[in-house]
Amino acid sequence: MPAPSAGSMEPTRHYPLFGGAFSASLPPGALDVSDLRPVPDNQEVFCHRVTDQSLVVELLELQAHVQGEEAARYHFEDVGGVQGARAMQVDSVQPLPLENLALRSFCQEAWVLSGKQQVAKENQQVAKDVTVHQALLRLPRYQTDLLLTFNDPPLSLSPENLSLPPWSLGDFEQLVTSLTLHDPNIFGPP
């Protein structure tokens, strides 16, 4: 019987993103949504095996017309609009220290936003207040805004009834800080 790999003991796994151009640590129980349904080429989407939580990594065109905290708010409202949010509320926007990021040498500025969006899942009428945490990493050298989103809707079961614990803000922070660029050619010719 083969010995378990060292990676299987780890609470998180370094996962290739965008065909290996990036990698990041994903929390336990992350399912690649592209194995279940089509996902746009500029996104990597992961869902929790048991809860309705999801993590999204998006490569977006740099929105040079907004700077600083306003750029984080712009993307929060843009995502809310795409998801058909009935209401949106920003609770906090904080700068993210670049020294904490694996992408620090590429990133000009970074922001973390927490808020709520009232959204209904596909084919459902009732909208739920979903807590949304976003990290915006701005990469002007590549004309890219890198947006990471943690959608954290209310649990339908109590945590002790889950076969796998729900993801935490710490899991999201690990994703954000571990995100590593391996192939800048993903952004096209320099």
Foldseek 3Di string as FASTA:
>chain_A
DDDDDPQVVDQWHWAADLNNQKTFTAGPQWDFCVVVDNDDSQKTKTAHNWWRKIKIKGKDFAPVVDDDQVVVVVVQVVVLVVQVFPDKDWDDKDWDDLVLALCSVQFPTKMKTWIWTFGDPPPDDHTFTWIKIKMWTDRVVLSIIIIMIITHTDGPDPQVPDPDGDDDVVSVSRRGRGIHGDHPCVSPDD
